């Protein structure tokens, strides 16, 4: 039975190993980015469009932190299928979101703008 488990890690290839320090780094980065987002809004340091740009940048960075540290999606050989499906999901989400906004804008212009 000892030989069965002795090669346990041999078949995992390039799958990233989960470590507590890795999760802690991701958690700390996520907390810092969340606090920075709240600070941008609550302190009034940014107004109008600059606040939206700052929040969008912080949100994008936080999404990257979550994908890298918690979902463990990277460019290693063992993760290429995961990366491909993740990229496809992002692309389709953008198509659906942008398409919805475009249709709603056209509906508004054709029906409500008179």
PDB file of N, CA and C in Angstrom:
ATOM      1  N   UNK A   1       0.817  -1.185   0.000  1.00  0.00           N
ATOM      2  CA  UNK A   1       0.000   0.000   0.000  1.00  0.00           C
ATOM      3  C   UNK A   1       0.863   1.251   0.000  1.00  0.00           C
ATOM      4  N   UNK A   2       2.063   1.161   0.542  1.00  0.00           N
ATOM      5  CA  UNK A   2       2.958   2.317   0.554  1.00  0.00           C
ATOM      6  C   UNK A   2       3.387   2.684  -0.857  1.00  0.00           C
ATOM      7  N   UNK A   3       3.499   1.688  -1.737  1.00  0.00           N
ATOM      8  CA  UNK A   3       3.909   1.990  -3.109  1.00  0.00           C
ATOM      9  C   UNK A   3       2.795   2.676  -3.887  1.00  0.00           C
ATOM     10  N   UNK A   4       1.558   2.457  -3.510  1.00  0.00           N
ATOM     11  CA  UNK A   4       0.443   3.106  -4.195  1.00  0.00           C
ATOM     12  C   UNK A   4       0.485   4.612  -4.013  1.00  0.00           C
ATOM     13  N   UNK A   5       0.795   5.062  -2.818  1.00  0.00           N
ATOM     14  CA  UNK A   5       0.799   6.492  -2.529  1.00  0.00           C
ATOM     15  C   UNK A   5       2.157   7.146  -2.734  1.00  0.00           C
ATOM     16  N   UNK A   6       3.180   6.358  -2.968  1.00  0.00           N
ATOM     17  CA  UNK A   6       4.506   6.961  -3.110  1.00  0.00           C
ATOM     18  C   UNK A   6       4.631   7.760  -4.406  1.00  0.00           C
ATOM     19  N   UNK A   7       3.880   7.409  -5.430  1.00  0.00           N
ATOM     20  CA  UNK A   7       3.919   8.135  -6.699  1.00  0.00           C
ATOM     21  C   UNK A   7       2.709   9.047  -6.863  1.00  0.00           C
ATOM     22  N   UNK A   8       2.123   9.448  -5.779  1.00  0.00           N
ATOM     23  CA  UNK A   8       0.887  10.230  -5.821  1.00  0.00           C
ATOM     24  C   UNK A   8       1.052  11.531  -6.596  1.00  0.00           C
ATOM     25  N   UNK A   9       2.144  12.241  -6.391  1.00  0.00           N
ATOM     26  CA  UNK A   9       2.340  13.529  -7.042  1.00  0.00           C
ATOM     27  C   UNK A   9       2.911  13.401  -8.452  1.00  0.00           C
ATOM     28  N   UNK A  10       3.271  12.208  -8.871  1.00  0.00           N
ATOM     29  CA  UNK A  10       3.928  12.041 -10.167  1.00  0.00           C
ATOM     30  C   UNK A  10       2.996  12.327 -11.337  1.00  0.00           C
ATOM     31  N   UNK A  11       1.700  12.081 -11.198  1.00  0.00           N
ATOM     32  CA  UNK A  11       0.795  12.241 -12.326  1.00  0.00           C
ATOM     33  C   UNK A  11       0.150  13.620 -12.397  1.00  0.00           C
ATOM     34  N   UNK A  12       0.469  14.508 -11.495  1.00  0.00           N
ATOM     35  CA  UNK A  12      -0.151  15.826 -11.502  1.00  0.00           C
ATOM     36  C   UNK A  12       0.501  16.783 -12.482  1.00  0.00           C
ATOM     37  N   UNK A  13       1.710  16.531 -12.898  1.00  0.00           N
ATOM     38  CA  UNK A  13       2.358  17.375 -13.896  1.00  0.00           C
ATOM     39  C   UNK A  13       2.579  18.795 -13.409  1.00  0.00           C
ATOM     40  N   UNK A  14       2.087  19.753 -14.198  1.00  0.00           N
ATOM     41  CA  UNK A  14       2.312  21.161 -13.895  1.00  0.00           C
ATOM     42  C   UNK A  14       1.175  21.801 -13.115  1.00  0.00           C
ATOM     43  N   UNK A  15       0.316  21.003 -12.519  1.00  0.00           N
ATOM     44  CA  UNK A  15      -0.779  21.565 -11.745  1.00  0.00           C
ATOM     45  C   UNK A  15      -0.197  22.253 -10.520  1.00  0.00           C
ATOM     46  N   UNK A  16      -0.560  23.521 -10.289  1.00  0.00           N
ATOM     47  CA  UNK A  16       0.039  24.240  -9.167  1.00  0.00           C
ATOM     48  C   UNK A  16      -0.403  23.659  -7.830  1.00  0.00           C
ATOM     49  N   UNK A  17       0.525  23.621  -6.909  1.00  0.00           N
ATOM     50  CA  UNK A  17       0.210  23.136  -5.577  1.00  0.00           C
ATOM     51  C   UNK A  17      -0.286  24.293  -4.730  1.00  0.00           C
ATOM     52  N   UNK A  18      -1.335  24.043  -3.986  1.00  0.00           N
ATOM     53  CA  UNK A  18      -1.937  25.061  -3.144  1.00  0.00           C
ATOM     54  C   UNK A  18      -1.129  25.161  -1.856  1.00  0.00           C
ATOM     55  N   UNK A  19      -0.742  26.386  -1.512  1.00  0.00           N
ATOM     56  CA  UNK A  19      -0.004  26.608  -0.277  1.00  0.00           C
ATOM     57  C   UNK A  19      -0.696  27.695   0.520  1.00  0.00           C
ATOM     58  N   UNK A  20      -0.560  27.606   1.816  1.00  0.00           N
ATOM     59  CA  UNK A  20      -1.144  28.620   2.693  1.00  0.00           C
ATOM     60  C   UNK A  20      -0.521  29.991   2.439  1.00  0.00           C
ATOM     61  N   UNK A  21       0.803  30.119   2.300  1.00  0.00           N
ATOM     62  CA  UNK A  21       1.362  31.445   2.006  1.00  0.00           C
ATOM     63  C   UNK A  21       0.827  32.038   0.694  1.00  0.00           C
ATOM     64  N   UNK A  22       0.579  31.192  -0.298  1.00  0.00           N
ATOM     65  CA  UNK A  22       0.012  31.689  -1.553  1.00  0.00           C
ATOM     66  C   UNK A  22      -1.376  32.263  -1.352  1.00  0.00           C
ATOM     67  N   UNK A  23      -2.194  31.560  -0.566  1.00  0.00           N
ATOM     68  CA  UNK A  23      -3.525  32.071  -0.261  1.00  0.00           C
ATOM     69  C   UNK A  23      -3.452  33.341   0.578  1.00  0.00           C
ATOM     70  N   UNK A  24      -2.516  33.397   1.507  1.00  0.00           N
ATOM     71  CA  UNK A  24      -2.385  34.595   2.340  1.00  0.00           C
ATOM     72  C   UNK A  24      -1.970  35.810   1.514  1.00  0.00           C
ATOM     73  N   UNK A  25      -1.053  35.627   0.583  1.00  0.00           N
ATOM     74  CA  UNK A  25      -0.649  36.738  -0.290  1.00  0.00           C
ATOM     75  C   UNK A  25      -1.848  37.211  -1.104  1.00  0.00           C
ATOM     76  N   UNK A  26      -2.603  36.276  -1.670  1.00  0.00           N
ATOM     77  CA  UNK A  26      -3.797  36.644  -2.428  1.00  0.00           C
ATOM     78  C   UNK A  26      -4.823  37.351  -1.572  1.00  0.00           C
ATOM     79  N   UNK A  27      -5.020  36.861  -0.349  1.00  0.00           N
ATOM     80  CA  UNK A  27      -5.984  37.484   0.555  1.00  0.00           C
ATOM     81  C   UNK A  27      -5.564  38.899   0.912  1.00  0.00           C
ATOM     82  N   UNK A  28      -4.295  39.087   1.245  1.00  0.00           N
ATOM     83  CA  UNK A  28      -3.800  40.421   1.608  1.00  0.00           C
ATOM     84  C   UNK A  28      -3.928  41.379   0.424  1.00  0.00           C
ATOM     85  N   UNK A  29      -3.568  40.929  -0.765  1.00  0.00           N
ATOM     86  CA  UNK A  29      -3.715  41.782  -1.949  1.00  0.00           C
ATOM     87  C   UNK A  29      -5.181  42.133  -2.202  1.00  0.00           C
ATOM     88  N   UNK A  30      -6.079  41.164  -2.035  1.00  0.00           N
ATOM     89  CA  UNK A  30      -7.503  41.425  -2.235  1.00  0.00           C
ATOM     90  C   UNK A  30      -8.028  42.428  -1.213  1.00  0.00           C
ATOM     91  N   UNK A  31      -7.596  42.304   0.034  1.00  0.00           N
ATOM     92  CA  UNK A  31      -8.024  43.254   1.066  1.00  0.00           C
ATOM     93  C   UNK A  31      -7.492  44.651   0.762  1.00  0.00           C
ATOM     94  N   UNK A  32      -6.234  44.748   0.362  1.00  0.00           N
ATOM     95  CA  UNK A  32      -5.646  46.054   0.031  1.00  0.00           C
ATOM     96  C   UNK A  32      -6.403  46.700  -1.124  1.00  0.00           C
ATOM     97  N   UNK A  33      -6.704  45.932  -2.152  1.00  0.00           N
ATOM     98  CA  UNK A  33      -7.427  46.483  -3.298  1.00  0.00           C
ATOM     99  C   UNK A  33      -8.853  46.878  -2.933  1.00  0.00           C
ATOM    100  N   UNK A  34      -9.501  46.117  -2.056  1.00  0.00           N
ATOM    101  CA  UNK A  34     -10.850  46.464  -1.612  1.00  0.00           C
ATOM    102  C   UNK A  34     -10.838  47.738  -0.785  1.00  0.00           C
ATOM    103  N   UNK A  35      -9.892  47.847   0.134  1.00  0.00           N
ATOM    104  CA  UNK A  35      -9.779  49.062   0.955  1.00  0.00           C
ATOM    105  C   UNK A  35      -9.455  50.268   0.073  1.00  0.00           C
ATOM    106  N   UNK A  36      -8.598  50.083  -0.916  1.00  0.00           N
ATOM    107  CA  UNK A  36      -8.268  51.180  -1.833  1.00  0.00           C
ATOM    108  C   UNK A  36      -9.501  51.628  -2.609  1.00  0.00           C
ATOM    109  N   UNK A  37     -10.345  50.696  -3.010  1.00  0.00           N
ATOM    110  CA  UNK A  37     -11.576  51.053  -3.721  1.00  0.00           C
ATOM    111  C   UNK A  37     -12.511  51.852  -2.824  1.00  0.00           C
ATOM    112  N   UNK A  38     -12.693  51.392  -1.595  1.00  0.00           N
ATOM    113  CA  UNK A  38     -13.536  52.133  -0.659  1.00  0.00           C
ATOM    114  C   UNK A  38     -12.948  53.509  -0.379  1.00  0.00           C
ATOM    115  N   UNK A  39     -11.636  53.589  -0.239  1.00  0.00           N
ATOM    116  CA  UNK A  39     -10.995  54.876   0.027  1.00  0.00           C
ATOM    117  C   UNK A  39     -11.226  55.850  -1.123  1.00  0.00           C
ATOM    118  N   UNK A  40     -11.114  55.360  -2.357  1.00  0.00           N
ATOM    119  CA  UNK A  40     -11.325  56.233  -3.524  1.00  0.00           C
ATOM    120  C   UNK A  40     -12.702  56.877  -3.496  1.00  0.00           C
ATOM    121  N   UNK A  41     -13.693  56.128  -3.083  1.00  0.00           N
ATOM    122  CA  UNK A  41     -15.058  56.648  -3.082  1.00  0.00           C
ATOM    123  C   UNK A  41     -15.347  57.457  -1.824  1.00  0.00           C
ATOM    124  N   UNK A  42     -14.999  56.915  -0.673  1.00  0.00           N
ATOM    125  CA  UNK A  42     -15.390  57.547   0.591  1.00  0.00           C
ATOM    126  C   UNK A  42     -14.590  58.805   0.912  1.00  0.00           C
ATOM    127  N   UNK A  43     -13.350  58.886   0.476  1.00  0.00           N
ATOM    128  CA  UNK A  43     -12.547  60.066   0.804  1.00  0.00           C
ATOM    129  C   UNK A  43     -12.852  61.236  -0.111  1.00  0.00           C
ATOM    130  N   UNK A  44     -13.432  60.965  -1.249  1.00  0.00           N
ATOM    131  CA  UNK A  44     -13.698  62.029  -2.203  1.00  0.00           C
ATOM    132  C   UNK A  44     -12.454  62.483  -2.939  1.00  0.00           C
ATOM    133  N   UNK A  45     -11.396  61.685  -2.890  1.00  0.00           N
ATOM    134  CA  UNK A  45     -10.146  62.051  -3.556  1.00  0.00           C
ATOM    135  C   UNK A  45     -10.316  62.076  -5.069  1.00  0.00           C
ATOM    136  N   UNK A  46     -11.206  61.258  -5.584  1.00  0.00           N
ATOM    137  CA  UNK A  46     -11.479  61.222  -7.018  1.00  0.00           C
ATOM    138  C   UNK A  46     -12.919  61.652  -7.252  1.00  0.00           C
ATOM    139  N   UNK A  47     -13.136  62.424  -8.285  1.00  0.00           N
ATOM    140  CA  UNK A  47     -14.480  62.911  -8.614  1.00  0.00           C
ATOM    141  C   UNK A  47     -14.837  62.507 -10.037  1.00  0.00           C
ATOM    142  N   UNK A  48     -16.093  62.228 -10.252  1.00  0.00           N
ATOM    143  CA  UNK A  48     -16.612  61.987 -11.592  1.00  0.00           C
ATOM    144  C   UNK A  48     -15.945  60.839 -12.325  1.00  0.00           C
ATOM    145  N   UNK A  49     -15.497  61.144 -13.543  1.00  0.00           N
ATOM    146  CA  UNK A  49     -14.921  60.110 -14.400  1.00  0.00           C
ATOM    147  C   UNK A  49     -13.617  59.540 -13.857  1.00  0.00           C
ATOM    148  N   UNK A  50     -12.852  60.359 -13.161  1.00  0.00           N
ATOM    149  CA  UNK A  50     -11.594  59.838 -12.604  1.00  0.00           C
ATOM    150  C   UNK A  50     -11.865  58.780 -11.535  1.00  0.00           C
ATOM    151  N   UNK A  51     -12.963  58.927 -10.791  1.00  0.00           N
ATOM    152  CA  UNK A  51     -13.336  57.907  -9.808  1.00  0.00           C
ATOM    153  C   UNK A  51     -13.724  56.612 -10.514  1.00  0.00           C
ATOM    154  N   UNK A  52     -14.465  56.726 -11.612  1.00  0.00           N
ATOM    155  CA  UNK A  52     -14.850  55.529 -12.361  1.00  0.00           C
ATOM    156  C   UNK A  52     -13.633  54.818 -12.945  1.00  0.00           C
ATOM    157  N   UNK A  53     -12.694  55.593 -13.466  1.00  0.00           N
ATOM    158  CA  UNK A  53     -11.480  54.993 -14.027  1.00  0.00           C
ATOM    159  C   UNK A  53     -10.670  54.310 -12.926  1.00  0.00           C
ATOM    160  N   UNK A  54     -10.522  54.975 -11.788  1.00  0.00           N
ATOM    161  CA  UNK A  54      -9.766  54.390 -10.674  1.00  0.00           C
ATOM    162  C   UNK A  54     -10.420  53.098 -10.191  1.00  0.00           C
ATOM    163  N   UNK A  55     -11.746  53.102 -10.052  1.00  0.00           N
ATOM    164  CA  UNK A  55     -12.448  51.901  -9.609  1.00  0.00           C
ATOM    165  C   UNK A  55     -12.352  50.786 -10.648  1.00  0.00           C
ATOM    166  N   UNK A  56     -12.422  51.134 -11.927  1.00  0.00           N
ATOM    167  CA  UNK A  56     -12.305  50.118 -12.976  1.00  0.00           C
ATOM    168  C   UNK A  56     -10.919  49.481 -12.966  1.00  0.00           C
ATOM    169  N   UNK A  57      -9.892  50.291 -12.781  1.00  0.00           N
ATOM    170  CA  UNK A  57      -8.523  49.753 -12.736  1.00  0.00           C
ATOM    171  C   UNK A  57      -8.348  48.859 -11.511  1.00  0.00           C
ATOM    172  N   UNK A  58      -8.811  49.321 -10.354  1.00  0.00           N
ATOM    173  CA  UNK A  58      -8.696  48.506  -9.139  1.00  0.00           C
ATOM    174  C   UNK A  58      -9.491  47.208  -9.267  1.00  0.00           C
ATOM    175  N   UNK A  59     -10.668  47.270  -9.888  1.00  0.00           N
ATOM    176  CA  UNK A  59     -11.477  46.062 -10.085  1.00  0.00           C
ATOM    177  C   UNK A  59     -10.780  45.084 -11.021  1.00  0.00           C
ATOM    178  N   UNK A  60     -10.175  45.592 -12.093  1.00  0.00           N
ATOM    179  CA  UNK A  60      -9.463  44.718 -13.033  1.00  0.00           C
ATOM    180  C   UNK A  60      -8.273  44.048 -12.354  1.00  0.00           C
ATOM    181  N   UNK A  61      -7.530  44.810 -11.564  1.00  0.00           N
ATOM    182  CA  UNK A  61      -6.386  44.233 -10.849  1.00  0.00           C
ATOM    183  C   UNK A  61      -6.865  43.189  -9.846  1.00  0.00           C
ATOM    184  N   UNK A  62      -7.987  43.466  -9.175  1.00  0.00           N
ATOM    185  CA  UNK A  62      -8.495  42.505  -8.206  1.00  0.00           C
ATOM    186  C   UNK A  62      -8.970  41.225  -8.899  1.00  0.00           C
ATOM    187  N   UNK A  63      -9.555  41.346 -10.071  1.00  0.00           N
ATOM    188  CA  UNK A  63      -9.942  40.141 -10.812  1.00  0.00           C
ATOM    189  C   UNK A  63      -8.718  39.306 -11.165  1.00  0.00           C
ATOM    190  N   UNK A  64      -7.647  39.960 -11.568  1.00  0.00           N
ATOM    191  CA  UNK A  64      -6.412  39.239 -11.895  1.00  0.00           C
ATOM    192  C   UNK A  64      -5.854  38.546 -10.653  1.00  0.00           C
ATOM    193  N   UNK A  65      -5.895  39.230  -9.512  1.00  0.00           N
ATOM    194  CA  UNK A  65      -5.425  38.626  -8.255  1.00  0.00           C
ATOM    195  C   UNK A  65      -6.237  37.376  -7.934  1.00  0.00           C
ATOM    196  N   UNK A  66      -7.550  37.451  -8.076  1.00  0.00           N
ATOM    197  CA  UNK A  66      -8.396  36.293  -7.774  1.00  0.00           C
ATOM    198  C   UNK A  66      -8.125  35.139  -8.732  1.00  0.00           C
ATOM    199  N   UNK A  67      -7.970  35.445 -10.007  1.00  0.00           N
ATOM    200  CA  UNK A  67      -7.717  34.389 -10.992  1.00  0.00           C
ATOM    201  C   UNK A  67      -6.376  33.707 -10.730  1.00  0.00           C
ATOM    202  N   UNK A  68      -5.358  34.484 -10.400  1.00  0.00           N
ATOM    203  CA  UNK A  68      -4.019  33.917 -10.213  1.00  0.00           C
ATOM    204  C   UNK A  68      -3.889  33.210  -8.871  1.00  0.00           C
ATOM    205  N   UNK A  69      -4.319  33.853  -7.790  1.00  0.00           N
ATOM    206  CA  UNK A  69      -4.058  33.307  -6.458  1.00  0.00           C
ATOM    207  C   UNK A  69      -5.115  32.323  -5.969  1.00  0.00           C
ATOM    208  N   UNK A  70      -6.359  32.456  -6.411  1.00  0.00           N
ATOM    209  CA  UNK A  70      -7.410  31.588  -5.890  1.00  0.00           C
ATOM    210  C   UNK A  70      -7.883  30.556  -6.909  1.00  0.00           C
ATOM    211  N   UNK A  71      -7.963  30.921  -8.186  1.00  0.00           N
ATOM    212  CA  UNK A  71      -8.354  29.957  -9.212  1.00  0.00           C
ATOM    213  C   UNK A  71      -7.153  29.233  -9.805  1.00  0.00           C
ATOM    214  N   UNK A  72      -5.951  29.743  -9.558  1.00  0.00           N
ATOM    215  CA  UNK A  72      -4.693  29.135  -9.999  1.00  0.00           C
ATOM    216  C   UNK A  72      -4.642  28.932 -11.514  1.00  0.00           C
ATOM    217  N   UNK A  73      -5.176  29.892 -12.257  1.00  0.00           N
ATOM    218  CA  UNK A  73      -5.084  29.847 -13.716  1.00  0.00           C
ATOM    219  C   UNK A  73      -3.789  30.537 -14.116  1.00  0.00           C
ATOM    220  N   UNK A  74      -2.934  29.808 -14.820  1.00  0.00           N
ATOM    221  CA  UNK A  74      -1.667  30.372 -15.273  1.00  0.00           C
ATOM    222  C   UNK A  74      -1.327  29.810 -16.644  1.00  0.00           C
ATOM    223  N   UNK A  75      -0.140  30.105 -17.127  1.00  0.00           N
ATOM    224  CA  UNK A  75       0.240  29.698 -18.480  1.00  0.00           C
ATOM    225  C   UNK A  75       1.092  28.437 -18.514  1.00  0.00           C
ATOM    226  N   UNK A  76       1.132  27.684 -17.429  1.00  0.00           N
ATOM    227  CA  UNK A  76       1.931  26.458 -17.423  1.00  0.00           C
ATOM    228  C   UNK A  76       1.305  25.413 -18.354  1.00  0.00           C
ATOM    229  N   UNK A  77       2.089  24.430 -18.720  1.00  0.00           N
ATOM    230  CA  UNK A  77       1.653  23.424 -19.685  1.00  0.00           C
ATOM    231  C   UNK A  77       0.405  22.676 -19.205  1.00  0.00           C
ATOM    232  N   UNK A  78       0.333  22.377 -17.933  1.00  0.00           N
ATOM    233  CA  UNK A  78      -0.807  21.651 -17.394  1.00  0.00           C
ATOM    234  C   UNK A  78      -2.071  22.483 -17.275  1.00  0.00           C
ATOM    235  N   UNK A  79      -1.955  23.780 -17.407  1.00  0.00           N
ATOM    236  CA  UNK A  79      -3.099  24.677 -17.241  1.00  0.00           C
ATOM    237  C   UNK A  79      -3.593  25.272 -18.558  1.00  0.00           C
ATOM    238  N   UNK A  80      -3.060  24.837 -19.689  1.00  0.00           N
ATOM    239  CA  UNK A  80      -3.428  25.470 -20.965  1.00  0.00           C
ATOM    240  C   UNK A  80      -4.902  25.308 -21.289  1.00  0.00           C
ATOM    241  N   UNK A  81      -5.483  24.155 -21.006  1.00  0.00           N
ATOM    242  CA  UNK A  81      -6.910  23.972 -21.266  1.00  0.00           C
ATOM    243  C   UNK A  81      -7.734  24.866 -20.355  1.00  0.00           C
ATOM    244  N   UNK A  82      -7.322  24.992 -19.119  1.00  0.00           N
ATOM    245  CA  UNK A  82      -8.040  25.865 -18.192  1.00  0.00           C
ATOM    246  C   UNK A  82      -7.947  27.313 -18.651  1.00  0.00           C
ATOM    247  N   UNK A  83      -6.764  27.718 -19.093  1.00  0.00           N
ATOM    248  CA  UNK A  83      -6.570  29.080 -19.581  1.00  0.00           C
ATOM    249  C   UNK A  83      -7.410  29.331 -20.827  1.00  0.00           C
ATOM    250  N   UNK A  84      -7.461  28.358 -21.714  1.00  0.00           N
ATOM    251  CA  UNK A  84      -8.268  28.503 -22.928  1.00  0.00           C
ATOM    252  C   UNK A  84      -9.750  28.620 -22.632  1.00  0.00           C
ATOM    253  N   UNK A  85     -10.257  27.774 -21.747  1.00  0.00           N
ATOM    254  CA  UNK A  85     -11.679  27.858 -21.404  1.00  0.00           C
ATOM    255  C   UNK A  85     -11.980  29.136 -20.637  1.00  0.00           C
ATOM    256  N   UNK A  86     -11.040  29.582 -19.829  1.00  0.00           N
ATOM    257  CA  UNK A  86     -11.232  30.841 -19.106  1.00  0.00           C
ATOM    258  C   UNK A  86     -11.282  32.014 -20.078  1.00  0.00           C
ATOM    259  N   UNK A  87     -10.375  32.028 -21.059  1.00  0.00           N
ATOM    260  CA  UNK A  87     -10.366  33.102 -22.062  1.00  0.00           C
ATOM    261  C   UNK A  87     -11.650  33.080 -22.883  1.00  0.00           C
ATOM    262  N   UNK A  88     -12.131  31.901 -23.249  1.00  0.00           N
ATOM    263  CA  UNK A  88     -13.382  31.790 -23.993  1.00  0.00           C
ATOM    264  C   UNK A  88     -14.558  32.305 -23.164  1.00  0.00           C
ATOM    265  N   UNK A  89     -14.581  31.971 -21.894  1.00  0.00           N
ATOM    266  CA  UNK A  89     -15.651  32.442 -21.016  1.00  0.00           C
ATOM    267  C   UNK A  89     -15.645  33.959 -20.909  1.00  0.00           C
ATOM    268  N   UNK A  90     -14.467  34.547 -20.769  1.00  0.00           N
ATOM    269  CA  UNK A  90     -14.360  36.005 -20.704  1.00  0.00           C
ATOM    270  C   UNK A  90     -14.845  36.629 -22.006  1.00  0.00           C
ATOM    271  N   UNK A  91     -14.427  36.067 -23.141  1.00  0.00           N
ATOM    272  CA  UNK A  91     -14.831  36.607 -24.439  1.00  0.00           C
ATOM    273  C   UNK A  91     -16.344  36.532 -24.619  1.00  0.00           C
ATOM    274  N   UNK A  92     -16.952  35.410 -24.284  1.00  0.00           N
ATOM    275  CA  UNK A  92     -18.400  35.278 -24.438  1.00  0.00           C
ATOM    276  C   UNK A  92     -19.153  36.182 -23.464  1.00  0.00           C
ATOM    277  N   UNK A  93     -18.621  36.361 -22.264  1.00  0.00           N
ATOM    278  CA  UNK A  93     -19.243  37.285 -21.313  1.00  0.00           C
ATOM    279  C   UNK A  93     -19.213  38.709 -21.842  1.00  0.00           C
ATOM    280  N   UNK A  94     -18.102  39.094 -22.459  1.00  0.00           N
ATOM    281  CA  UNK A  94     -18.014  40.428 -23.057  1.00  0.00           C
ATOM    282  C   UNK A  94     -18.983  40.578 -24.221  1.00  0.00           C
ATOM    283  N   UNK A  95     -19.103  39.555 -25.061  1.00  0.00           N
ATOM    284  CA  UNK A  95     -20.036  39.615 -26.184  1.00  0.00           C
ATOM    285  C   UNK A  95     -21.465  39.786 -25.675  1.00  0.00           C
ATOM    286  N   UNK A  96     -21.851  39.020 -24.676  1.00  0.00           N
ATOM    287  CA  UNK A  96     -23.204  39.111 -24.131  1.00  0.00           C
ATOM    288  C   UNK A  96     -23.432  40.472 -23.476  1.00  0.00           C
ATOM    289  N   UNK A  97     -22.480  40.943 -22.688  1.00  0.00           N
ATOM    290  CA  UNK A  97     -22.638  42.227 -21.995  1.00  0.00           C
ATOM    291  C   UNK A  97     -22.702  43.393 -22.971  1.00  0.00           C
ATOM    292  N   UNK A  98     -21.748  43.462 -23.893  1.00  0.00           N
ATOM    293  CA  UNK A  98     -21.723  44.563 -24.863  1.00  0.00           C
ATOM    294  C   UNK A  98     -22.936  44.480 -25.781  1.00  0.00           C
ATOM    295  N   UNK A  99     -23.311  43.288 -26.185  1.00  0.00           N
ATOM    296  CA  UNK A  99     -24.500  43.127 -27.023  1.00  0.00           C
ATOM    297  C   UNK A  99     -25.763  43.572 -26.324  1.00  0.00           C
ATOM    298  N   UNK A 100     -25.892  43.273 -25.051  1.00  0.00           N
ATOM    299  CA  UNK A 100     -27.060  43.697 -24.288  1.00  0.00           C
ATOM    300  C   UNK A 100     -27.128  45.213 -24.185  1.00  0.00           C
ATOM    301  N   UNK A 101     -26.006  45.839 -23.878  1.00  0.00           N
ATOM    302  CA  UNK A 101     -25.980  47.303 -23.787  1.00  0.00           C
ATOM    303  C   UNK A 101     -26.310  47.922 -25.140  1.00  0.00           C
ATOM    304  N   UNK A 102     -25.792  47.358 -26.211  1.00  0.00           N
ATOM    305  CA  UNK A 102     -26.041  47.877 -27.553  1.00  0.00           C
ATOM    306  C   UNK A 102     -27.527  47.769 -27.913  1.00  0.00           C
ATOM    307  N   UNK A 103     -28.137  46.618 -27.637  1.00  0.00           N
ATOM    308  CA  UNK A 103     -29.557  46.432 -27.930  1.00  0.00           C
ATOM    309  C   UNK A 103     -30.399  47.383 -27.091  1.00  0.00           C
ATOM    310  N   UNK A 104     -30.096  47.514 -25.811  1.00  0.00           N
ATOM    311  CA  UNK A 104     -30.876  48.409 -24.953  1.00  0.00           C
ATOM    312  C   UNK A 104     -30.722  49.865 -25.383  1.00  0.00           C
ATOM    313  N   UNK A 105     -29.539  50.240 -25.822  1.00  0.00           N
ATOM    314  CA  UNK A 105     -29.330  51.601 -26.319  1.00  0.00           C
ATOM    315  C   UNK A 105     -30.174  51.840 -27.572  1.00  0.00           C
ATOM    316  N   UNK A 106     -30.180  50.883 -28.489  1.00  0.00           N
ATOM    317  CA  UNK A 106     -30.988  51.035 -29.697  1.00  0.00           C
ATOM    318  C   UNK A 106     -32.473  51.069 -29.384  1.00  0.00           C
ATOM    319  N   UNK A 107     -32.927  50.249 -28.454  1.00  0.00           N
ATOM    320  CA  UNK A 107     -34.332  50.275 -28.047  1.00  0.00           C
ATOM    321  C   UNK A 107     -34.680  51.638 -27.465  1.00  0.00           C
ATOM    322  N   UNK A 108     -33.812  52.161 -26.643  1.00  0.00           N
ATOM    323  CA  UNK A 108     -34.051  53.481 -26.058  1.00  0.00           C
ATOM    324  C   UNK A 108     -34.114  54.554 -27.144  1.00  0.00           C
ATOM    325  N   UNK A 109     -33.182  54.522 -28.078  1.00  0.00           N
ATOM    326  CA  UNK A 109     -33.144  55.538 -29.136  1.00  0.00           C
ATOM    327  C   UNK A 109     -34.356  55.441 -30.057  1.00  0.00           C
ATOM    328  N   UNK A 110     -34.839  54.242 -30.327  1.00  0.00           N
ATOM    329  CA  UNK A 110     -35.949  54.073 -31.255  1.00  0.00           C
ATOM    330  C   UNK A 110     -37.317  54.274 -30.609  1.00  0.00           C
ATOM    331  N   UNK A 111     -37.431  54.026 -29.324  1.00  0.00           N
ATOM    332  CA  UNK A 111     -38.751  54.081 -28.698  1.00  0.00           C
ATOM    333  C   UNK A 111     -38.924  55.219 -27.703  1.00  0.00           C
ATOM    334  N   UNK A 112     -37.880  55.573 -27.001  1.00  0.00           N
ATOM    335  CA  UNK A 112     -38.044  56.510 -25.889  1.00  0.00           C
ATOM    336  C   UNK A 112     -37.523  57.909 -26.191  1.00  0.00           C
ATOM    337  N   UNK A 113     -36.768  58.090 -27.233  1.00  0.00           N
ATOM    338  CA  UNK A 113     -36.119  59.377 -27.464  1.00  0.00           C
ATOM    339  C   UNK A 113     -37.007  60.372 -28.199  1.00  0.00           C
ATOM    340  N   UNK A 114     -38.228  60.044 -28.474  1.00  0.00           N
ATOM    341  CA  UNK A 114     -39.099  60.960 -29.231  1.00  0.00           C
ATOM    342  C   UNK A 114     -39.654  62.022 -28.374  1.00  0.00           C
TER     343      UNK A 114
END
